[in-house]
Amino acid sequence: MADLPKFDEATQKELATFLEKEQTQAKLQSTIHNFTNMCWDKCITSTPSTRFSRGEESCLYSCVDRFLDSSIYLVKQIQERRDH
């Protein structure tokens, strides 16, 4: 925060908290984007049409389930770090 000398300490803390939250949200959005790309690349093997094949649908469900498990884990880790 040395580059923000014109702000008082309370404002600097508020800005630091805001920036930390924004960085965390950006990381989460990046993770979502990466998982979305990964699931699509892994599961969709044919040219997209009006329906997914049974195998593609099953793969997407499993991939999304793993994504949700990972997301919940990440959120818990972030909360634990924030609480300490």
PDB file of N, CA and C in Angstrom:
ATOM      1  N   MET A   1       0.815  -1.186   0.000  1.00  0.00           N
ATOM      2  CA  MET A   1       0.000   0.000   0.000  1.00  0.00           C
ATOM      3  C   MET A   1       0.865   1.260   0.000  1.00  0.00           C
ATOM      4  N   ALA A   2       2.172   1.114  -0.114  1.00  0.00           N
ATOM      5  CA  ALA A   2       3.075   2.259  -0.082  1.00  0.00           C
ATOM      6  C   ALA A   2       2.804   3.223  -1.239  1.00  0.00           C
ATOM      7  N   ASP A   3       2.228   2.719  -2.334  1.00  0.00           N
ATOM      8  CA  ASP A   3       1.961   3.586  -3.475  1.00  0.00           C
ATOM      9  C   ASP A   3       0.642   4.355  -3.317  1.00  0.00           C
ATOM     10  N   LEU A   4      -0.003   4.279  -2.156  1.00  0.00           N
ATOM     11  CA  LEU A   4      -1.242   5.004  -1.900  1.00  0.00           C
ATOM     12  C   LEU A   4      -1.095   5.918  -0.683  1.00  0.00           C
ATOM     13  N   PRO A   5      -0.072   6.755  -0.636  1.00  0.00           N
ATOM     14  CA  PRO A   5       0.174   7.562   0.560  1.00  0.00           C
ATOM     15  C   PRO A   5      -0.885   8.624   0.812  1.00  0.00           C
ATOM     16  N   LYS A   6      -1.655   9.013  -0.187  1.00  0.00           N
ATOM     17  CA  LYS A   6      -2.628  10.082   0.010  1.00  0.00           C
ATOM     18  C   LYS A   6      -3.901   9.606   0.711  1.00  0.00           C
ATOM     19  N   PHE A   7      -4.050   8.289   0.915  1.00  0.00           N
ATOM     20  CA  PHE A   7      -5.222   7.756   1.599  1.00  0.00           C
ATOM     21  C   PHE A   7      -4.882   7.447   3.049  1.00  0.00           C
ATOM     22  N   ASP A   8      -5.868   7.659   3.930  1.00  0.00           N
ATOM     23  CA  ASP A   8      -5.627   7.308   5.326  1.00  0.00           C
ATOM     24  C   ASP A   8      -5.602   5.783   5.477  1.00  0.00           C
ATOM     25  N   GLU A   9      -5.206   5.315   6.648  1.00  0.00           N
ATOM     26  CA  GLU A   9      -5.009   3.879   6.876  1.00  0.00           C
ATOM     27  C   GLU A   9      -6.301   3.083   6.674  1.00  0.00           C
ATOM     28  N   ALA A  10      -7.427   3.610   7.140  1.00  0.00           N
ATOM     29  CA  ALA A  10      -8.714   2.921   7.000  1.00  0.00           C
ATOM     30  C   ALA A  10      -9.087   2.757   5.525  1.00  0.00           C
ATOM     31  N   THR A  11      -8.860   3.810   4.741  1.00  0.00           N
ATOM     32  CA  THR A  11      -9.162   3.751   3.315  1.00  0.00           C
ATOM     33  C   THR A  11      -8.227   2.771   2.614  1.00  0.00           C
ATOM     34  N   GLN A  12      -6.955   2.763   3.004  1.00  0.00           N
ATOM     35  CA  GLN A  12      -5.999   1.825   2.413  1.00  0.00           C
ATOM     36  C   GLN A  12      -6.408   0.379   2.706  1.00  0.00           C
ATOM     37  N   LYS A  13      -6.866   0.116   3.931  1.00  0.00           N
ATOM     38  CA  LYS A  13      -7.323  -1.228   4.287  1.00  0.00           C
ATOM     39  C   LYS A  13      -8.554  -1.606   3.476  1.00  0.00           C
ATOM     40  N   GLU A  14      -9.463  -0.676   3.331  1.00  0.00           N
ATOM     41  CA  GLU A  14     -10.677  -0.923   2.553  1.00  0.00           C
ATOM     42  C   GLU A  14     -10.328  -1.224   1.094  1.00  0.00           C
ATOM     43  N   LEU A  15      -9.413  -0.451   0.537  1.00  0.00           N
ATOM     44  CA  LEU A  15      -8.978  -0.689  -0.841  1.00  0.00           C
ATOM     45  C   LEU A  15      -8.277  -2.037  -0.973  1.00  0.00           C
ATOM     46  N   ALA A  16      -7.445  -2.381  -0.015  1.00  0.00           N
ATOM     47  CA  ALA A  16      -6.744  -3.667  -0.045  1.00  0.00           C
ATOM     48  C   ALA A  16      -7.738  -4.828   0.010  1.00  0.00           C
ATOM     49  N   THR A  17      -8.755  -4.695   0.867  1.00  0.00           N
ATOM     50  CA  THR A  17      -9.789  -5.729   0.961  1.00  0.00           C
ATOM     51  C   THR A  17     -10.562  -5.842  -0.344  1.00  0.00           C
ATOM     52  N   PHE A  18     -10.921  -4.703  -0.919  1.00  0.00           N
ATOM     53  CA  PHE A  18     -11.632  -4.692  -2.193  1.00  0.00           C
ATOM     54  C   PHE A  18     -10.802  -5.369  -3.287  1.00  0.00           C
ATOM     55  N   LEU A  19      -9.525  -5.007  -3.364  1.00  0.00           N
ATOM     56  CA  LEU A  19      -8.653  -5.596  -4.384  1.00  0.00           C
ATOM     57  C   LEU A  19      -8.489  -7.100  -4.187  1.00  0.00           C
ATOM     58  N   GLU A  20      -8.377  -7.530  -2.949  1.00  0.00           N
ATOM     59  CA  GLU A  20      -8.257  -8.960  -2.661  1.00  0.00           C
ATOM     60  C   GLU A  20      -9.503  -9.713  -3.115  1.00  0.00           C
ATOM     61  N   LYS A  21     -10.678  -9.140  -2.818  1.00  0.00           N
ATOM     62  CA  LYS A  21     -11.932  -9.769  -3.250  1.00  0.00           C
ATOM     63  C   LYS A  21     -12.023  -9.826  -4.773  1.00  0.00           C
ATOM     64  N   GLU A  22     -11.642  -8.749  -5.431  1.00  0.00           N
ATOM     65  CA  GLU A  22     -11.690  -8.722  -6.896  1.00  0.00           C
ATOM     66  C   GLU A  22     -10.730  -9.741  -7.503  1.00  0.00           C
ATOM     67  N   GLN A  23      -9.544  -9.867  -6.916  1.00  0.00           N
ATOM     68  CA  GLN A  23      -8.571 -10.843  -7.407  1.00  0.00           C
ATOM     69  C   GLN A  23      -9.082 -12.264  -7.199  1.00  0.00           C
ATOM     70  N   THR A  24      -9.725 -12.507  -6.074  1.00  0.00           N
ATOM     71  CA  THR A  24     -10.296 -13.827  -5.798  1.00  0.00           C
ATOM     72  C   THR A  24     -11.398 -14.143  -6.794  1.00  0.00           C
ATOM     73  N   GLN A  25     -12.257 -13.166  -7.069  1.00  0.00           N
ATOM     74  CA  GLN A  25     -13.327 -13.374  -8.046  1.00  0.00           C
ATOM     75  C   GLN A  25     -12.755 -13.625  -9.434  1.00  0.00           C
ATOM     76  N   ALA A  26     -11.706 -12.906  -9.798  1.00  0.00           N
ATOM     77  CA  ALA A  26     -11.072 -13.100 -11.106  1.00  0.00           C
ATOM     78  C   ALA A  26     -10.479 -14.499 -11.207  1.00  0.00           C
ATOM     79  N   LYS A  27      -9.863 -14.976 -10.127  1.00  0.00           N
ATOM     80  CA  LYS A  27      -9.306 -16.335 -10.128  1.00  0.00           C
ATOM     81  C   LYS A  27     -10.414 -17.368 -10.271  1.00  0.00           C
ATOM     82  N   LEU A  28     -11.521 -17.157  -9.570  1.00  0.00           N
ATOM     83  CA  LEU A  28     -12.641 -18.085  -9.653  1.00  0.00           C
ATOM     84  C   LEU A  28     -13.230 -18.097 -11.063  1.00  0.00           C
ATOM     85  N   GLN A  29     -13.400 -16.920 -11.653  1.00  0.00           N
ATOM     86  CA  GLN A  29     -13.910 -16.844 -13.025  1.00  0.00           C
ATOM     87  C   GLN A  29     -12.969 -17.539 -13.996  1.00  0.00           C
ATOM     88  N   SER A  30     -11.685 -17.375 -13.798  1.00  0.00           N
ATOM     89  CA  SER A  30     -10.691 -18.033 -14.643  1.00  0.00           C
ATOM     90  C   SER A  30     -10.795 -19.552 -14.496  1.00  0.00           C
ATOM     91  N   THR A  31     -10.991 -20.005 -13.265  1.00  0.00           N
ATOM     92  CA  THR A  31     -11.128 -21.438 -13.017  1.00  0.00           C
ATOM     93  C   THR A  31     -12.378 -21.977 -13.697  1.00  0.00           C
ATOM     94  N   ILE A  32     -13.486 -21.252 -13.588  1.00  0.00           N
ATOM     95  CA  ILE A  32     -14.727 -21.670 -14.245  1.00  0.00           C
ATOM     96  C   ILE A  32     -14.514 -21.763 -15.747  1.00  0.00           C
ATOM     97  N   HIS A  33     -13.869 -20.760 -16.321  1.00  0.00           N
ATOM     98  CA  HIS A  33     -13.599 -20.755 -17.758  1.00  0.00           C
ATOM     99  C   HIS A  33     -12.743 -21.965 -18.147  1.00  0.00           C
ATOM    100  N   ASN A  34     -11.716 -22.235 -17.374  1.00  0.00           N
ATOM    101  CA  ASN A  34     -10.836 -23.365 -17.674  1.00  0.00           C
ATOM    102  C   ASN A  34     -11.570 -24.695 -17.581  1.00  0.00           C
ATOM    103  N   PHE A  35     -12.404 -24.861 -16.534  1.00  0.00           N
ATOM    104  CA  PHE A  35     -13.166 -26.102 -16.415  1.00  0.00           C
ATOM    105  C   PHE A  35     -14.181 -26.248 -17.541  1.00  0.00           C
ATOM    106  N   THR A  36     -14.825 -25.162 -17.911  1.00  0.00           N
ATOM    107  CA  THR A  36     -15.785 -25.215 -19.014  1.00  0.00           C
ATOM    108  C   THR A  36     -15.094 -25.680 -20.296  1.00  0.00           C
ATOM    109  N   ASN A  37     -13.955 -25.081 -20.608  1.00  0.00           N
ATOM    110  CA  ASN A  37     -13.209 -25.487 -21.795  1.00  0.00           C
ATOM    111  C   ASN A  37     -12.764 -26.939 -21.693  1.00  0.00           C
ATOM    112  N   MET A  38     -12.273 -27.325 -20.515  1.00  0.00           N
ATOM    113  CA  MET A  38     -11.787 -28.685 -20.331  1.00  0.00           C
ATOM    114  C   MET A  38     -12.922 -29.695 -20.524  1.00  0.00           C
ATOM    115  N   CYS A  39     -14.080 -29.448 -19.901  1.00  0.00           N
ATOM    116  CA  CYS A  39     -15.211 -30.371 -20.029  1.00  0.00           C
ATOM    117  C   CYS A  39     -15.676 -30.462 -21.481  1.00  0.00           C
ATOM    118  N   TRP A  40     -15.759 -29.338 -22.150  1.00  0.00           N
ATOM    119  CA  TRP A  40     -16.192 -29.352 -23.550  1.00  0.00           C
ATOM    120  C   TRP A  40     -15.209 -30.135 -24.407  1.00  0.00           C
ATOM    121  N   ASP A  41     -13.920 -29.827 -24.254  1.00  0.00           N
ATOM    122  CA  ASP A  41     -12.902 -30.505 -25.059  1.00  0.00           C
ATOM    123  C   ASP A  41     -12.843 -31.994 -24.760  1.00  0.00           C
ATOM    124  N   LYS A  42     -13.048 -32.360 -23.507  1.00  0.00           N
ATOM    125  CA  LYS A  42     -12.975 -33.759 -23.104  1.00  0.00           C
ATOM    126  C   LYS A  42     -14.198 -34.545 -23.552  1.00  0.00           C
ATOM    127  N   CYS A  43     -15.362 -33.941 -23.480  1.00  0.00           N
ATOM    128  CA  CYS A  43     -16.613 -34.689 -23.635  1.00  0.00           C
ATOM    129  C   CYS A  43     -17.252 -34.602 -25.018  1.00  0.00           C
ATOM    130  N   ILE A  44     -17.109 -33.491 -25.685  1.00  0.00           N
ATOM    131  CA  ILE A  44     -17.803 -33.311 -26.959  1.00  0.00           C
ATOM    132  C   ILE A  44     -16.880 -33.776 -28.080  1.00  0.00           C
ATOM    133  N   THR A  45     -17.218 -34.944 -28.610  1.00  0.00           N
ATOM    134  CA  THR A  45     -16.348 -35.558 -29.614  1.00  0.00           C
ATOM    135  C   THR A  45     -16.917 -35.483 -31.022  1.00  0.00           C
ATOM    136  N   SER A  46     -18.166 -35.082 -31.131  1.00  0.00           N
ATOM    137  CA  SER A  46     -18.785 -34.989 -32.450  1.00  0.00           C
ATOM    138  C   SER A  46     -19.142 -33.535 -32.737  1.00  0.00           C
ATOM    139  N   THR A  47     -19.600 -33.290 -33.932  1.00  0.00           N
ATOM    140  CA  THR A  47     -20.041 -31.946 -34.288  1.00  0.00           C
ATOM    141  C   THR A  47     -21.311 -31.632 -33.509  1.00  0.00           C
ATOM    142  N   PRO A  48     -21.340 -30.508 -32.810  1.00  0.00           N
ATOM    143  CA  PRO A  48     -22.536 -30.171 -32.023  1.00  0.00           C
ATOM    144  C   PRO A  48     -23.790 -30.119 -32.906  1.00  0.00           C
ATOM    145  N   SER A  49     -24.857 -30.691 -32.380  1.00  0.00           N
ATOM    146  CA  SER A  49     -26.146 -30.650 -33.071  1.00  0.00           C
ATOM    147  C   SER A  49     -27.196 -30.269 -32.039  1.00  0.00           C
ATOM    148  N   THR A  50     -28.412 -30.676 -32.242  1.00  0.00           N
ATOM    149  CA  THR A  50     -29.479 -30.298 -31.316  1.00  0.00           C
ATOM    150  C   THR A  50     -29.433 -31.113 -30.027  1.00  0.00           C
ATOM    151  N   ARG A  51     -28.708 -32.238 -30.029  1.00  0.00           N
ATOM    152  CA  ARG A  51     -28.615 -33.091 -28.841  1.00  0.00           C
ATOM    153  C   ARG A  51     -27.202 -33.639 -28.709  1.00  0.00           C
ATOM    154  N   PHE A  52     -26.807 -33.889 -27.466  1.00  0.00           N
ATOM    155  CA  PHE A  52     -25.551 -34.575 -27.221  1.00  0.00           C
ATOM    156  C   PHE A  52     -25.789 -36.076 -27.301  1.00  0.00           C
ATOM    157  N   SER A  53     -24.755 -36.813 -27.659  1.00  0.00           N
ATOM    158  CA  SER A  53     -24.880 -38.268 -27.618  1.00  0.00           C
ATOM    159  C   SER A  53     -24.961 -38.705 -26.152  1.00  0.00           C
ATOM    160  N   ARG A  54     -25.397 -39.943 -25.925  1.00  0.00           N
ATOM    161  CA  ARG A  54     -25.534 -40.438 -24.562  1.00  0.00           C
ATOM    162  C   ARG A  54     -24.186 -40.385 -23.830  1.00  0.00           C
ATOM    163  N   GLY A  55     -23.116 -40.768 -24.506  1.00  0.00           N
ATOM    164  CA  GLY A  55     -21.781 -40.742 -23.906  1.00  0.00           C
ATOM    165  C   GLY A  55     -21.330 -39.324 -23.593  1.00  0.00           C
ATOM    166  N   GLU A  56     -21.602 -38.386 -24.511  1.00  0.00           N
ATOM    167  CA  GLU A  56     -21.232 -36.988 -24.277  1.00  0.00           C
ATOM    168  C   GLU A  56     -21.996 -36.417 -23.086  1.00  0.00           C
ATOM    169  N   GLU A  57     -23.287 -36.738 -23.024  1.00  0.00           N
ATOM    170  CA  GLU A  57     -24.119 -36.242 -21.930  1.00  0.00           C
ATOM    171  C   GLU A  57     -23.624 -36.780 -20.584  1.00  0.00           C
ATOM    172  N   SER A  58     -23.335 -38.065 -20.531  1.00  0.00           N
ATOM    173  CA  SER A  58     -22.824 -38.682 -19.309  1.00  0.00           C
ATOM    174  C   SER A  58     -21.484 -38.068 -18.909  1.00  0.00           C
ATOM    175  N   CYS A  59     -20.610 -37.864 -19.879  1.00  0.00           N
ATOM    176  CA  CYS A  59     -19.307 -37.260 -19.622  1.00  0.00           C
ATOM    177  C   CYS A  59     -19.467 -35.832 -19.079  1.00  0.00           C
ATOM    178  N   LEU A  60     -20.355 -35.055 -19.691  1.00  0.00           N
ATOM    179  CA  LEU A  60     -20.578 -33.686 -19.231  1.00  0.00           C
ATOM    180  C   LEU A  60     -21.109 -33.653 -17.799  1.00  0.00           C
ATOM    181  N   TYR A  61     -22.053 -34.544 -17.480  1.00  0.00           N
ATOM    182  CA  TYR A  61     -22.571 -34.609 -16.111  1.00  0.00           C
ATOM    183  C   TYR A  61     -21.446 -34.906 -15.122  1.00  0.00           C
ATOM    184  N   SER A  62     -20.639 -35.909 -15.444  1.00  0.00           N
ATOM    185  CA  SER A  62     -19.534 -36.277 -14.547  1.00  0.00           C
ATOM    186  C   SER A  62     -18.530 -35.144 -14.420  1.00  0.00           C
ATOM    187  N   CYS A  63     -18.203 -34.514 -15.533  1.00  0.00           N
ATOM    188  CA  CYS A  63     -17.237 -33.425 -15.525  1.00  0.00           C
ATOM    189  C   CYS A  63     -17.769 -32.244 -14.708  1.00  0.00           C
ATOM    190  N   VAL A  64     -19.040 -31.925 -14.888  1.00  0.00           N
ATOM    191  CA  VAL A  64     -19.646 -30.819 -14.133  1.00  0.00           C
ATOM    192  C   VAL A  64     -19.689 -31.162 -12.647  1.00  0.00           C
ATOM    193  N   ASP A  65     -20.010 -32.418 -12.323  1.00  0.00           N
ATOM    194  CA  ASP A  65     -20.007 -32.825 -10.912  1.00  0.00           C
ATOM    195  C   ASP A  65     -18.624 -32.622 -10.304  1.00  0.00           C
ATOM    196  N   ARG A  66     -17.587 -33.027 -11.019  1.00  0.00           N
ATOM    197  CA  ARG A  66     -16.217 -32.832 -10.513  1.00  0.00           C
ATOM    198  C   ARG A  66     -15.899 -31.346 -10.407  1.00  0.00           C
ATOM    199  N   PHE A  67     -16.382 -30.574 -11.368  1.00  0.00           N
ATOM    200  CA  PHE A  67     -16.186 -29.127 -11.329  1.00  0.00           C
ATOM    201  C   PHE A  67     -16.835 -28.529 -10.094  1.00  0.00           C
ATOM    202  N   LEU A  68     -18.071 -28.940  -9.811  1.00  0.00           N
ATOM    203  CA  LEU A  68     -18.770 -28.419  -8.634  1.00  0.00           C
ATOM    204  C   LEU A  68     -18.055 -28.829  -7.353  1.00  0.00           C
ATOM    205  N   ASP A  69     -17.599 -30.084  -7.292  1.00  0.00           N
ATOM    206  CA  ASP A  69     -16.830 -30.521  -6.125  1.00  0.00           C
ATOM    207  C   ASP A  69     -15.597 -29.646  -5.941  1.00  0.00           C
ATOM    208  N   SER A  70     -14.913 -29.380  -7.038  1.00  0.00           N
ATOM    209  CA  SER A  70     -13.708 -28.551  -6.982  1.00  0.00           C
ATOM    210  C   SER A  70     -14.044 -27.123  -6.568  1.00  0.00           C
ATOM    211  N   SER A  71     -15.123 -26.592  -7.100  1.00  0.00           N
ATOM    212  CA  SER A  71     -15.530 -25.224  -6.766  1.00  0.00           C
ATOM    213  C   SER A  71     -15.868 -25.094  -5.289  1.00  0.00           C
ATOM    214  N   ILE A  72     -16.591 -26.064  -4.766  1.00  0.00           N
ATOM    215  CA  ILE A  72     -16.941 -26.041  -3.346  1.00  0.00           C
ATOM    216  C   ILE A  72     -15.678 -26.106  -2.499  1.00  0.00           C
ATOM    217  N   TYR A  73     -14.747 -26.959  -2.900  1.00  0.00           N
ATOM    218  CA  TYR A  73     -13.475 -27.054  -2.189  1.00  0.00           C
ATOM    219  C   TYR A  73     -12.736 -25.720  -2.211  1.00  0.00           C
ATOM    220  N   LEU A  74     -12.678 -25.090  -3.387  1.00  0.00           N
ATOM    221  CA  LEU A  74     -11.982 -23.805  -3.504  1.00  0.00           C
ATOM    222  C   LEU A  74     -12.629 -22.735  -2.629  1.00  0.00           C
ATOM    223  N   VAL A  75     -13.945 -22.679  -2.632  1.00  0.00           N
ATOM    224  CA  VAL A  75     -14.653 -21.685  -1.824  1.00  0.00           C
ATOM    225  C   VAL A  75     -14.359 -21.908  -0.341  1.00  0.00           C
ATOM    226  N   LYS A  76     -14.374 -23.166   0.086  1.00  0.00           N
ATOM    227  CA  LYS A  76     -14.071 -23.464   1.488  1.00  0.00           C
ATOM    228  C   LYS A  76     -12.642 -23.045   1.840  1.00  0.00           C
ATOM    229  N   GLN A  77     -11.701 -23.298   0.930  1.00  0.00           N
ATOM    230  CA  GLN A  77     -10.322 -22.914   1.183  1.00  0.00           C
ATOM    231  C   GLN A  77     -10.182 -21.395   1.287  1.00  0.00           C
ATOM    232  N   ILE A  78     -10.858 -20.683   0.407  1.00  0.00           N
ATOM    233  CA  ILE A  78     -10.811 -19.215   0.429  1.00  0.00           C
ATOM    234  C   ILE A  78     -11.407 -18.695   1.728  1.00  0.00           C
ATOM    235  N   GLN A  79     -12.539 -19.278   2.150  1.00  0.00           N
ATOM    236  CA  GLN A  79     -13.174 -18.847   3.393  1.00  0.00           C
ATOM    237  C   GLN A  79     -12.276 -19.116   4.592  1.00  0.00           C
ATOM    238  N   GLU A  80     -11.624 -20.280   4.601  1.00  0.00           N
ATOM    239  CA  GLU A  80     -10.731 -20.603   5.711  1.00  0.00           C
ATOM    240  C   GLU A  80      -9.565 -19.622   5.772  1.00  0.00           C
ATOM    241  N   ARG A  81      -9.013 -19.268   4.636  1.00  0.00           N
ATOM    242  CA  ARG A  81      -7.896 -18.311   4.606  1.00  0.00           C
ATOM    243  C   ARG A  81      -8.354 -16.935   5.074  1.00  0.00           C
ATOM    244  N   ARG A  82      -9.557 -16.554   4.683  1.00  0.00           N
ATOM    245  CA  ARG A  82     -10.073 -15.241   5.070  1.00  0.00           C
ATOM    246  C   ARG A  82     -10.348 -15.183   6.563  1.00  0.00           C
ATOM    247  N   ASP A  83     -10.797 -16.317   7.139  1.00  0.00           N
ATOM    248  CA  ASP A  83     -11.124 -16.361   8.562  1.00  0.00           C
ATOM    249  C   ASP A  83      -9.884 -16.397   9.451  1.00  0.00           C
ATOM    250  N   HIS A  84      -8.738 -16.745   8.883  1.00  0.00           N
ATOM    251  CA  HIS A  84      -7.525 -16.822   9.712  1.00  0.00           C
ATOM    252  C   HIS A  84      -6.716 -15.586   9.638  1.00  0.00           C
TER     253      HIS A  84
END
